[in-house]
C-alpha atoms as a PDB file:
ATOM      1  CA  MET A   1      -0.047  -0.102   0.253  1.00  0.00           C
ATOM      2  CA  THR A   2       1.247   3.355  -0.970  1.00  0.00           C
ATOM      3  CA  THR A   3       0.740   6.150   1.039  1.00  0.00           C
ATOM      4  CA  SER A   4       0.755   9.637  -0.873  1.00  0.00           C
ATOM      5  CA  TYR A   5       1.384  13.019   1.156  1.00  0.00           C
ATOM      6  CA  ILE A   6      -0.099  16.258  -0.519  1.00  0.00           C
ATOM      7  CA  THR A   7       2.046  19.300   0.619  1.00  0.00           C
ATOM      8  CA  GLN A   8      -0.437  22.593   1.221  1.00  0.00           C
ATOM      9  CA  VAL A   9       0.374  25.747  -0.629  1.00  0.00           C
ATOM     10  CA  LEU A  10      -0.321  28.509   1.816  1.00  0.00           C
ATOM     11  CA  PRO A  11      -1.448  32.091   0.179  1.00  0.00           C
ATOM     12  CA  ARG A  12       1.687  34.107  -0.119  1.00  0.00           C
ATOM     13  CA  VAL A  13       2.265  37.462   1.244  1.00  0.00           C
ATOM     14  CA  LEU A  14       4.848  39.779  -0.521  1.00  0.00           C
ATOM     15  CA  ILE A  15       6.835  42.462   1.730  1.00  0.00           C
ATOM     16  CA  VAL A  16       8.739  44.664  -0.792  1.00  0.00           C
ATOM     17  CA  LYS A  17      10.547  46.579   1.873  1.00  0.00           C
ATOM     18  CA  ARG A  18      10.780  45.837   5.241  1.00  0.00           C
ATOM     19  CA  PRO A  19       8.367  47.754   7.721  1.00  0.00           C
ATOM     20  CA  ALA A  20       9.241  49.754  10.684  1.00  0.00           C
ATOM     21  CA  ALA A  21       7.213  47.302  12.888  1.00  0.00           C
ATOM     22  CA  MET A  22       9.658  44.507  11.578  1.00  0.00           C
ATOM     23  CA  ARG A  23      13.092  46.435  12.379  1.00  0.00           C
ATOM     24  CA  VAL A  24      11.303  46.274  15.840  1.00  0.00           C
ATOM     25  CA  LEU A  25       9.797  43.077  16.541  1.00  0.00           C
ATOM     26  CA  GLY A  26      11.603  41.094  13.662  1.00  0.00           C
ATOM     27  CA  ASP A  27       9.436  38.617  12.274  1.00  0.00           C
ATOM     28  CA  SER A  28       7.144  37.641  14.904  1.00  0.00           C
ATOM     29  CA  PHE A  29       5.093  40.881  13.469  1.00  0.00           C
ATOM     30  CA  VAL A  30       3.890  38.564  10.349  1.00  0.00           C
ATOM     31  CA  ALA A  31       4.156  35.042  11.650  1.00  0.00           C
ATOM     32  CA  SER A  32       1.576  33.172  10.786  1.00  0.00           C
ATOM     33  CA  THR A  33       0.617  29.730  10.161  1.00  0.00           C
ATOM     34  CA  LYS A  34      -2.058  30.493   7.452  1.00  0.00           C
ATOM     35  CA  PHE A  35       0.121  32.490   4.990  1.00  0.00           C
ATOM     36  CA  GLU A  36       4.012  32.415   3.780  1.00  0.00           C
ATOM     37  CA  ILE A  37       5.888  36.018   3.596  1.00  0.00           C
ATOM     38  CA  VAL A  38       8.075  36.649   0.605  1.00  0.00           C
ATOM     39  CA  LYS A  39      10.835  39.111   1.749  1.00  0.00           C
ATOM     40  CA  ALA A  40      11.910  40.945  -1.515  1.00  0.00           C
ATOM     41  CA  PHE A  41      14.167  43.312   0.731  1.00  0.00           C
ATOM     42  CA  GLU A  42      16.224  40.491   1.247  1.00  0.00           C
ATOM     43  CA  SER A  43      17.050  39.384  -2.183  1.00  0.00           C
ATOM     44  CA  PRO A  44      19.910  41.675  -4.084  1.00  0.00           C
ATOM     45  CA  LEU A  45      17.474  41.289  -7.487  1.00  0.00           C
ATOM     46  CA  PRO A  46      15.714  44.003  -8.953  1.00  0.00           C
ATOM     47  CA  LEU A  47      11.729  43.495  -8.191  1.00  0.00           C
ATOM     48  CA  PRO A  48      10.617  42.050 -11.367  1.00  0.00           C
ATOM     49  CA  GLU A  49      13.102  39.849 -11.835  1.00  0.00           C
ATOM     50  CA  PHE A  50      12.835  38.569  -7.751  1.00  0.00           C
ATOM     51  CA  LEU A  51       9.212  38.173  -8.581  1.00  0.00           C
ATOM     52  CA  ALA A  52       9.391  36.307 -11.979  1.00  0.00           C
ATOM     53  CA  ASP A  53      11.306  33.651 -10.270  1.00  0.00           C
ATOM     54  CA  GLN A  54       8.792  32.979  -7.621  1.00  0.00           C
ATOM     55  CA  SER A  55       7.372  29.612  -8.048  1.00  0.00           C
ATOM     56  CA  HIS A  56       4.249  30.176  -6.971  1.00  0.00           C
ATOM     57  CA  PRO A  57       2.248  33.528  -7.067  1.00  0.00           C
ATOM     58  CA  VAL A  58       1.469  36.229  -4.872  1.00  0.00           C
ATOM     59  CA  SER A  59      -1.578  37.007  -3.425  1.00  0.00           C
ATOM     60  CA  ALA A  60      -1.389  39.857  -1.205  1.00  0.00           C
ATOM     61  CA  ILE A  61       0.922  42.568  -0.086  1.00  0.00           C
ATOM     62  CA  ILE A  62       1.656  44.329   2.929  1.00  0.00           C
ATOM     63  CA  ALA A  63       2.710  48.217   1.730  1.00  0.00           C
ATOM     64  CA  PRO A  64       4.150  50.445   4.190  1.00  0.00           C
ATOM     65  CA  VAL A  65       3.620  54.037   3.321  1.00  0.00           C
ATOM     66  CA  HIS A  66       7.362  54.319   1.921  1.00  0.00           C
ATOM     67  CA  VAL A  67       6.183  51.630  -0.766  1.00  0.00           C
ATOM     68  CA  PRO A  68       3.615  52.871  -3.005  1.00  0.00           C
ATOM     69  CA  VAL A  69       1.434  50.377  -4.694  1.00  0.00           C
ATOM     70  CA  THR A  70       1.183  51.226  -8.289  1.00  0.00           C
ATOM     71  CA  ALA A  71      -0.278  50.182 -11.072  1.00  0.00           C
ATOM     72  CA  ASP A  72       3.027  49.193 -12.372  1.00  0.00           C
ATOM     73  CA  LEU A  73       3.269  47.129  -9.093  1.00  0.00           C
ATOM     74  CA  ILE A  74      -0.011  45.408  -9.511  1.00  0.00           C
ATOM     75  CA  ARG A  75       0.375  44.244 -12.283  1.00  0.00           C
ATOM     76  CA  LEU A  76       3.871  42.698 -11.620  1.00  0.00           C
ATOM     77  CA  LEU A  77       1.319  40.401  -9.671  1.00  0.00           C
ATOM     78  CA  PRO A  78      -1.297  38.866 -11.625  1.00  0.00           C
ATOM     79  CA  ASN A  79      -2.741  36.751  -8.822  1.00  0.00           C
ATOM     80  CA  LEU A  80      -3.230  40.079  -6.300  1.00  0.00           C
ATOM     81  CA  ARG A  81      -6.046  39.976  -4.664  1.00  0.00           C
ATOM     82  CA  LEU A  82      -5.517  41.783  -1.655  1.00  0.00           C
ATOM     83  CA  VAL A  83      -3.400  45.009  -0.370  1.00  0.00           C
ATOM     84  CA  VAL A  84      -2.664  45.729   3.344  1.00  0.00           C
ATOM     85  CA  THR A  85      -1.251  48.757   4.589  1.00  0.00           C
ATOM     86  CA  THR A  86       0.552  49.428   7.667  1.00  0.00           C
ATOM     87  CA  SER A  87      -0.719  52.869   8.135  1.00  0.00           C
ATOM     88  CA  THR A  88      -4.273  54.115   8.483  1.00  0.00           C
ATOM     89  CA  GLY A  89      -3.811  56.238   5.379  1.00  0.00           C
ATOM     90  CA  VAL A  90      -4.467  54.488   1.821  1.00  0.00           C
ATOM     91  CA  ASP A  91      -3.104  57.414  -0.010  1.00  0.00           C
ATOM     92  CA  HIS A  92      -0.121  55.853  -1.451  1.00  0.00           C
ATOM     93  CA  VAL A  93      -2.069  53.236  -3.025  1.00  0.00           C
ATOM     94  CA  ASP A  94      -3.474  52.945  -6.874  1.00  0.00           C
ATOM     95  CA  LEU A  95      -7.108  52.266  -5.925  1.00  0.00           C
ATOM     96  CA  VAL A  96      -8.465  53.334  -9.060  1.00  0.00           C
ATOM     97  CA  GLU A  97      -6.424  50.229 -10.381  1.00  0.00           C
ATOM     98  CA  CYS A  98      -7.219  48.101  -7.336  1.00  0.00           C
ATOM     99  CA  ARG A  99     -10.839  48.862  -8.260  1.00  0.00           C
ATOM    100  CA  ARG A 100     -10.533  47.949 -11.508  1.00  0.00           C
ATOM    101  CA  ARG A 101      -8.928  44.506 -10.849  1.00  0.00           C
ATOM    102  CA  ASP A 102     -11.182  43.440  -7.912  1.00  0.00           C
ATOM    103  CA  ILE A 103      -8.162  43.890  -4.960  1.00  0.00           C
ATOM    104  CA  SER A 104      -9.287  44.559  -1.590  1.00  0.00           C
ATOM    105  CA  VAL A 105      -7.475  47.169   0.270  1.00  0.00           C
ATOM    106  CA  ALA A 106      -7.420  47.129   4.239  1.00  0.00           C
ATOM    107  CA  ASN A 107      -5.416  49.448   6.477  1.00  0.00           C
ATOM    108  CA  ALA A 108      -4.188  49.603  10.038  1.00  0.00           C
ATOM    109  CA  GLY A 109      -7.544  50.465  11.697  1.00  0.00           C
ATOM    110  CA  SER A 110      -7.182  52.193  15.088  1.00  0.00           C
ATOM    111  CA  SER A 111      -3.869  50.436  15.810  1.00  0.00           C
ATOM    112  CA  TYR A 112      -2.582  53.826  15.970  1.00  0.00           C
ATOM    113  CA  SER A 113      -5.039  55.754  16.758  1.00  0.00           C
ATOM    114  CA  GLU A 114      -4.498  56.090  20.197  1.00  0.00           C
ATOM    115  CA  ASP A 115      -0.556  56.886  19.975  1.00  0.00           C
ATOM    116  CA  VAL A 116      -1.306  59.626  16.867  1.00  0.00           C
ATOM    117  CA  ALA A 117      -4.243  61.082  19.467  1.00  0.00           C
ATOM    118  CA  ASP A 118      -1.594  61.404  22.226  1.00  0.00           C
ATOM    119  CA  THR A 119       1.069  62.854  19.806  1.00  0.00           C
ATOM    120  CA  ALA A 120      -1.418  65.182  18.606  1.00  0.00           C
ATOM    121  CA  VAL A 121      -2.176  67.057  22.293  1.00  0.00           C
ATOM    122  CA  GLY A 122       1.667  66.770  22.958  1.00  0.00           C
ATOM    123  CA  LEU A 123       2.625  68.895  19.813  1.00  0.00           C
ATOM    124  CA  LEU A 124       0.110  71.296  21.093  1.00  0.00           C
ATOM    125  CA  ILE A 125       0.738  71.732  24.394  1.00  0.00           C
ATOM    126  CA  ASP A 126       4.432  71.844  23.578  1.00  0.00           C
ATOM    127  CA  VAL A 127       3.465  74.897  20.612  1.00  0.00           C
ATOM    128  CA  PHE A 128       1.532  76.730  23.393  1.00  0.00           C
ATOM    129  CA  ARG A 129       3.762  76.180  26.681  1.00  0.00           C
ATOM    130  CA  ARG A 130       6.986  76.806  24.106  1.00  0.00           C
ATOM    131  CA  ILE A 131       8.262  73.233  26.379  1.00  0.00           C
ATOM    132  CA  SER A 132      10.837  72.500  23.374  1.00  0.00           C
ATOM    133  CA  ALA A 133      11.795  76.076  23.073  1.00  0.00           C
ATOM    134  CA  ALA A 134      12.264  76.350  26.787  1.00  0.00           C
ATOM    135  CA  ASN A 135      14.228  73.161  26.727  1.00  0.00           C
ATOM    136  CA  ARG A 136      16.870  74.616  23.981  1.00  0.00           C
ATOM    137  CA  PHE A 137      17.019  77.889  26.228  1.00  0.00           C
ATOM    138  CA  VAL A 138      18.124  76.092  29.097  1.00  0.00           C
ATOM    139  CA  LYS A 139      20.540  74.033  27.444  1.00  0.00           C
ATOM    140  CA  GLN A 140      21.881  76.786  25.481  1.00  0.00           C
ATOM    141  CA  ARG A 141      22.757  78.275  28.675  1.00  0.00           C
ATOM    142  CA  LEU A 142      20.838  81.478  27.837  1.00  0.00           C
ATOM    143  CA  TRP A 143      19.231  81.009  31.770  1.00  0.00           C
ATOM    144  CA  PRO A 144      21.824  82.852  33.346  1.00  0.00           C
ATOM    145  CA  LEU A 145      22.383  85.477  30.376  1.00  0.00           C
ATOM    146  CA  LYS A 146      18.916  86.573  29.032  1.00  0.00           C
ATOM    147  CA  GLY A 147      16.529  86.202  32.897  1.00  0.00           C
ATOM    148  CA  ASP A 148      12.737  85.315  32.570  1.00  0.00           C
ATOM    149  CA  TYR A 149      11.769  83.108  29.122  1.00  0.00           C
ATOM    150  CA  PRO A 150       9.065  84.445  27.449  1.00  0.00           C
ATOM    151  CA  LEU A 151       5.344  83.422  28.586  1.00  0.00           C
ATOM    152  CA  GLY A 152       3.589  80.539  27.623  1.00  0.00           C
ATOM    153  CA  SER A 153      -0.144  80.531  26.575  1.00  0.00           C
ATOM    154  CA  LYS A 154      -2.772  78.165  28.927  1.00  0.00           C
ATOM    155  CA  LEU A 155      -4.112  75.729  26.957  1.00  0.00           C
ATOM    156  CA  GLY A 156      -7.616  75.328  29.185  1.00  0.00           C
ATOM    157  CA  ARG A 157     -10.234  76.866  27.406  1.00  0.00           C
ATOM    158  CA  LYS A 158      -8.834  76.954  24.231  1.00  0.00           C
ATOM    159  CA  ARG A 159     -11.326  76.814  21.148  1.00  0.00           C
ATOM    160  CA  ILE A 160     -10.030  73.523  19.034  1.00  0.00           C
ATOM    161  CA  GLY A 161     -11.192  72.850  15.871  1.00  0.00           C
ATOM    162  CA  ILE A 162     -10.290  69.114  14.591  1.00  0.00           C
ATOM    163  CA  VAL A 163     -10.503  68.640  10.755  1.00  0.00           C
ATOM    164  CA  GLY A 164     -11.863  64.753  10.305  1.00  0.00           C
ATOM    165  CA  LEU A 165     -13.295  63.197  13.700  1.00  0.00           C
ATOM    166  CA  GLY A 166     -12.710  59.513  12.855  1.00  0.00           C
ATOM    167  CA  SER A 167     -10.953  57.171  15.066  1.00  0.00           C
ATOM    168  CA  ILE A 168      -8.159  60.107  15.540  1.00  0.00           C
ATOM    169  CA  GLY A 169      -9.803  63.147  15.762  1.00  0.00           C
ATOM    170  CA  SER A 170     -12.070  61.589  18.098  1.00  0.00           C
ATOM    171  CA  MET A 171      -9.481  60.535  20.483  1.00  0.00           C
ATOM    172  CA  VAL A 172      -8.113  63.533  20.295  1.00  0.00           C
ATOM    173  CA  ALA A 173     -11.297  65.357  21.075  1.00  0.00           C
ATOM    174  CA  THR A 174     -12.076  63.064  24.180  1.00  0.00           C
ATOM    175  CA  ARG A 175      -8.417  64.245  25.698  1.00  0.00           C
ATOM    176  CA  LEU A 176      -8.548  67.852  24.977  1.00  0.00           C
ATOM    177  CA  GLU A 177     -12.277  67.767  26.965  1.00  0.00           C
ATOM    178  CA  ALA A 178     -10.160  66.935  30.339  1.00  0.00           C
ATOM    179  CA  PHE A 179      -8.277  70.105  29.645  1.00  0.00           C
ATOM    180  CA  GLY A 180     -11.542  72.324  29.332  1.00  0.00           C
ATOM    181  CA  CYS A 181     -11.257  72.704  25.728  1.00  0.00           C
ATOM    182  CA  GLN A 182     -14.066  73.773  23.458  1.00  0.00           C
ATOM    183  CA  ILE A 183     -14.231  71.384  20.751  1.00  0.00           C
ATOM    184  CA  SER A 184     -15.506  71.531  17.138  1.00  0.00           C
ATOM    185  CA  TYR A 185     -14.900  69.717  14.348  1.00  0.00           C
ATOM    186  CA  SER A 186     -15.098  69.344  10.474  1.00  0.00           C
ATOM    187  CA  SER A 187     -15.714  66.046   8.641  1.00  0.00           C
ATOM    188  CA  ARG A 188     -17.208  64.422   5.439  1.00  0.00           C
ATOM    189  CA  ASN A 189     -20.620  64.030   7.295  1.00  0.00           C
ATOM    190  CA  ARG A 190     -22.150  65.254  10.784  1.00  0.00           C
ATOM    191  CA  LYS A 191     -22.239  62.785  13.820  1.00  0.00           C
ATOM    192  CA  PRO A 192     -25.151  63.300  15.539  1.00  0.00           C
ATOM    193  CA  SER A 193     -23.873  61.001  18.417  1.00  0.00           C
ATOM    194  CA  VAL A 194     -21.304  64.022  19.266  1.00  0.00           C
ATOM    195  CA  PRO A 195     -21.681  66.852  21.344  1.00  0.00           C
ATOM    196  CA  TYR A 196     -19.486  69.156  19.805  1.00  0.00           C
ATOM    197  CA  HIS A 197     -20.054  72.139  17.019  1.00  0.00           C
ATOM    198  CA  TYR A 198     -19.861  71.175  13.536  1.00  0.00           C
ATOM    199  CA  TYR A 199     -18.896  72.993  10.803  1.00  0.00           C
ATOM    200  CA  THR A 200     -19.479  72.541   6.892  1.00  0.00           C
ATOM    201  CA  ASP A 201     -16.255  74.703   6.077  1.00  0.00           C
ATOM    202  CA  VAL A 202     -13.216  74.722   7.488  1.00  0.00           C
ATOM    203  CA  GLN A 203     -12.372  78.402   7.121  1.00  0.00           C
ATOM    204  CA  GLU A 204     -15.210  79.130   9.105  1.00  0.00           C
ATOM    205  CA  MET A 205     -14.439  77.066  11.783  1.00  0.00           C
ATOM    206  CA  ALA A 206     -10.985  78.552  11.598  1.00  0.00           C
ATOM    207  CA  ALA A 207     -12.029  81.846  11.940  1.00  0.00           C
ATOM    208  CA  ASN A 208     -13.968  80.523  15.450  1.00  0.00           C
ATOM    209  CA  SER A 209     -11.062  78.810  16.660  1.00  0.00           C
ATOM    210  CA  ASP A 210      -7.530  78.972  18.885  1.00  0.00           C
ATOM    211  CA  ALA A 211      -6.130  75.998  17.078  1.00  0.00           C
ATOM    212  CA  LEU A 212      -6.849  73.805  14.146  1.00  0.00           C
ATOM    213  CA  ILE A 213      -5.425  70.093  14.650  1.00  0.00           C
ATOM    214  CA  ILE A 214      -5.278  67.827  11.479  1.00  0.00           C
ATOM    215  CA  CYS A 215      -6.508  64.300  11.233  1.00  0.00           C
ATOM    216  CA  CYS A 216      -8.539  63.417   8.115  1.00  0.00           C
ATOM    217  CA  GLU A 217      -6.975  61.113   5.215  1.00  0.00           C
ATOM    218  CA  LEU A 218      -5.432  62.727   2.269  1.00  0.00           C
ATOM    219  CA  THR A 219      -7.716  62.869  -1.047  1.00  0.00           C
ATOM    220  CA  ASP A 220      -8.381  64.623  -3.997  1.00  0.00           C
ATOM    221  CA  LYS A 221     -10.752  67.027  -1.812  1.00  0.00           C
ATOM    222  CA  THR A 222      -7.971  67.471   1.202  1.00  0.00           C
ATOM    223  CA  LEU A 223      -4.952  68.090  -0.689  1.00  0.00           C
ATOM    224  CA  HIS A 224      -4.298  71.536   0.175  1.00  0.00           C
ATOM    225  CA  LEU A 225      -7.760  72.042   2.627  1.00  0.00           C
ATOM    226  CA  ILE A 226      -5.506  73.977   4.946  1.00  0.00           C
ATOM    227  CA  ASN A 227      -4.580  76.716   2.764  1.00  0.00           C
ATOM    228  CA  ARG A 228      -4.165  80.789   2.844  1.00  0.00           C
ATOM    229  CA  ASP A 229      -7.712  81.779   3.228  1.00  0.00           C
ATOM    230  CA  VAL A 230      -7.700  79.252   6.195  1.00  0.00           C
ATOM    231  CA  PHE A 231      -4.239  80.572   7.512  1.00  0.00           C
ATOM    232  CA  ALA A 232      -6.082  84.155   7.569  1.00  0.00           C
ATOM    233  CA  ALA A 233      -9.180  82.825   8.908  1.00  0.00           C
ATOM    234  CA  LEU A 234      -7.075  81.414  11.990  1.00  0.00           C
ATOM    235  CA  GLY A 235      -5.338  84.522  12.223  1.00  0.00           C
ATOM    236  CA  LYS A 236      -2.049  85.622  14.334  1.00  0.00           C
ATOM    237  CA  GLN A 237      -2.230  83.556  17.647  1.00  0.00           C
ATOM    238  CA  GLY A 238      -3.719  80.292  16.005  1.00  0.00           C
ATOM    239  CA  VAL A 239      -1.551  76.960  16.425  1.00  0.00           C
ATOM    240  CA  ILE A 240      -1.721  74.399  13.462  1.00  0.00           C
ATOM    241  CA  VAL A 241      -1.481  70.688  14.386  1.00  0.00           C
ATOM    242  CA  ASN A 242      -0.965  68.225  11.488  1.00  0.00           C
ATOM    243  CA  VAL A 243      -0.680  64.640  12.312  1.00  0.00           C
ATOM    244  CA  ALA A 244      -2.568  63.035   9.045  1.00  0.00           C
ATOM    245  CA  ARG A 245      -0.484  64.168   6.084  1.00  0.00           C
ATOM    246  CA  GLY A 246       1.447  66.879   4.881  1.00  0.00           C
ATOM    247  CA  ALA A 247       0.004  67.486   1.650  1.00  0.00           C
ATOM    248  CA  ILE A 248      -3.305  68.168   3.380  1.00  0.00           C
ATOM    249  CA  VAL A 249      -1.714  71.357   4.260  1.00  0.00           C
ATOM    250  CA  ASP A 250      -0.161  74.048   1.678  1.00  0.00           C
ATOM    251  CA  GLU A 251       3.187  73.872   3.481  1.00  0.00           C
ATOM    252  CA  ASP A 252       4.796  76.669   1.146  1.00  0.00           C
ATOM    253  CA  GLU A 253       2.099  79.317   2.733  1.00  0.00           C
ATOM    254  CA  LEU A 254       2.276  77.407   6.012  1.00  0.00           C
ATOM    255  CA  VAL A 255       6.052  78.940   6.000  1.00  0.00           C
ATOM    256  CA  ARG A 256       5.394  82.032   4.669  1.00  0.00           C
ATOM    257  CA  CYS A 257       2.420  82.683   7.508  1.00  0.00           C
ATOM    258  CA  LEU A 258       4.769  81.279  10.147  1.00  0.00           C
ATOM    259  CA  ARG A 259       7.763  83.278   8.855  1.00  0.00           C
ATOM    260  CA  GLU A 260       6.029  86.481   8.949  1.00  0.00           C
ATOM    261  CA  GLY A 261       3.604  86.223  11.936  1.00  0.00           C
ATOM    262  CA  GLU A 262       0.645  85.718  10.228  1.00  0.00           C
ATOM    263  CA  ILE A 263      -0.412  82.709  12.553  1.00  0.00           C
ATOM    264  CA  GLY A 264       1.119  81.655  15.581  1.00  0.00           C
ATOM    265  CA  GLY A 265       2.465  78.164  15.809  1.00  0.00           C
ATOM    266  CA  ALA A 266       2.837  74.961  14.366  1.00  0.00           C
ATOM    267  CA  GLY A 267       3.059  71.449  15.723  1.00  0.00           C
ATOM    268  CA  LEU A 268       4.050  69.259  12.811  1.00  0.00           C
ATOM    269  CA  ASP A 269       4.656  65.220  12.856  1.00  0.00           C
ATOM    270  CA  VAL A 270       4.037  64.948   8.831  1.00  0.00           C
ATOM    271  CA  PHE A 271       5.446  67.062   5.596  1.00  0.00           C
ATOM    272  CA  GLU A 272       5.000  67.106   1.885  1.00  0.00           C
ATOM    273  CA  ASP A 273       8.114  65.862   0.558  1.00  0.00           C
ATOM    274  CA  GLU A 274       9.357  63.408   3.606  1.00  0.00           C
ATOM    275  CA  PRO A 275      11.897  63.397   4.663  1.00  0.00           C
ATOM    276  CA  ASN A 276      12.510  66.537   3.317  1.00  0.00           C
ATOM    277  CA  VAL A 277      11.524  69.141   5.896  1.00  0.00           C
ATOM    278  CA  PRO A 278      11.659  73.243   5.177  1.00  0.00           C
ATOM    279  CA  LYS A 279      14.774  74.253   6.401  1.00  0.00           C
ATOM    280  CA  GLU A 280      12.931  77.608   7.216  1.00  0.00           C
ATOM    281  CA  LEU A 281      11.276  75.871   9.609  1.00  0.00           C
ATOM    282  CA  PHE A 282      14.579  74.673  11.872  1.00  0.00           C
ATOM    283  CA  GLU A 283      15.194  78.661  12.956  1.00  0.00           C
ATOM    284  CA  LEU A 284      11.446  79.352  14.585  1.00  0.00           C
ATOM    285  CA  ASP A 285      11.078  78.733  18.315  1.00  0.00           C
ATOM    286  CA  ASN A 286       7.138  78.623  17.682  1.00  0.00           C
ATOM    287  CA  VAL A 287       7.145  75.460  15.582  1.00  0.00           C
ATOM    288  CA  VAL A 288       7.719  71.952  17.031  1.00  0.00           C
ATOM    289  CA  LEU A 289       9.050  69.453  14.467  1.00  0.00           C
ATOM    290  CA  SER A 290       8.785  65.311  14.880  1.00  0.00           C
ATOM    291  CA  PRO A 291       9.748  62.956  12.137  1.00  0.00           C
ATOM    292  CA  HIS A 292       6.374  61.133  10.864  1.00  0.00           C
ATOM    293  CA  CYS A 293       6.469  59.120  14.208  1.00  0.00           C
ATOM    294  CA  ALA A 294       3.048  59.834  15.752  1.00  0.00           C
ATOM    295  CA  TYR A 295       2.050  56.454  14.852  1.00  0.00           C
ATOM    296  CA  THR A 296       5.156  54.473  16.515  1.00  0.00           C
ATOM    297  CA  SER A 297       4.814  52.758  19.663  1.00  0.00           C
ATOM    298  CA  LEU A 298       5.850  49.537  20.805  1.00  0.00           C
ATOM    299  CA  GLU A 299       2.596  48.765  22.158  1.00  0.00           C
ATOM    300  CA  GLY A 300       0.812  50.316  18.826  1.00  0.00           C
ATOM    301  CA  LEU A 301       3.400  47.881  16.621  1.00  0.00           C
ATOM    302  CA  GLU A 302       2.003  44.608  18.479  1.00  0.00           C
ATOM    303  CA  GLN A 303      -1.511  45.554  18.386  1.00  0.00           C
ATOM    304  CA  LEU A 304      -0.816  45.911  14.328  1.00  0.00           C
ATOM    305  CA  GLY A 305       0.877  42.597  14.453  1.00  0.00           C
ATOM    306  CA  ASN A 306      -2.227  41.156  16.402  1.00  0.00           C
ATOM    307  CA  VAL A 307      -4.350  42.675  13.370  1.00  0.00           C
ATOM    308  CA  PHE A 308      -2.203  40.800  10.402  1.00  0.00           C
ATOM    309  CA  GLY A 309      -2.484  37.917  12.186  1.00  0.00           C
ATOM    310  CA  LEU A 310      -6.165  37.859  11.937  1.00  0.00           C
ATOM    311  CA  GLU A 311      -6.455  39.392   8.846  1.00  0.00           C
ATOM    312  CA  TYR A 312      -5.652  36.725   6.050  1.00  0.00           C
END
């Protein structure tokens, strides 16, 4: 009697470039018995040659924000059925081509929401209270020379406008309520379940706010949504915090307004041409910068790994 064994072929998942989570958590980030990981970043071959050399087709791809999923990449993967981003935003994915090819697209969901909300509030406090600038003042030994440091501004009871009241925006609002802030929001749709004032027009909200916090996704409609008119409405004491995508804000206009004193300050985690940051911002004490790291914490990355483990 002859016994035959059938080897199960697992679905293959492509990773073109190593995600930040894998640099921290290693292969445990995507460890699963449900699929096989294909690591293109470990091969010296150009991606087309690497894929052509694979004996079994790829059915899914894990796409960090620094790996654009373009129509050209999709054409190299004729059996692709799923794109999973390691970010909340999917603006680096060609959604039109995915729809045409009937490819599903999934994002990181709310895995990062708490971390991004914490960072947004941290940047806001930093700008109002001038914490980073005060840190430089002390470390540069200016305190004994110049005496008292310039006053900051109170956060409590400030009017805060949130652009995009999704998972992140809602958590920002909850945190700021604890400071006694007056919350308003602008979003694609009014949310009847929340008590905050709703604006259909961002410029009108800016005119009635002390600070704007940008939490919406980048789309054709939100590209440069925060422009010269919005800055003018926000006014000379107004503050911008952006933890969403750099291109939602007209960066050239933002730099001009900050340098000319047309707005009061900015806390920025994202930029239009990352990792390149306008050098004019480096010299401004009313600007706090971070390198698109609002979403990163060990706990958040572990939670994302759990999401990926259930995704397939």
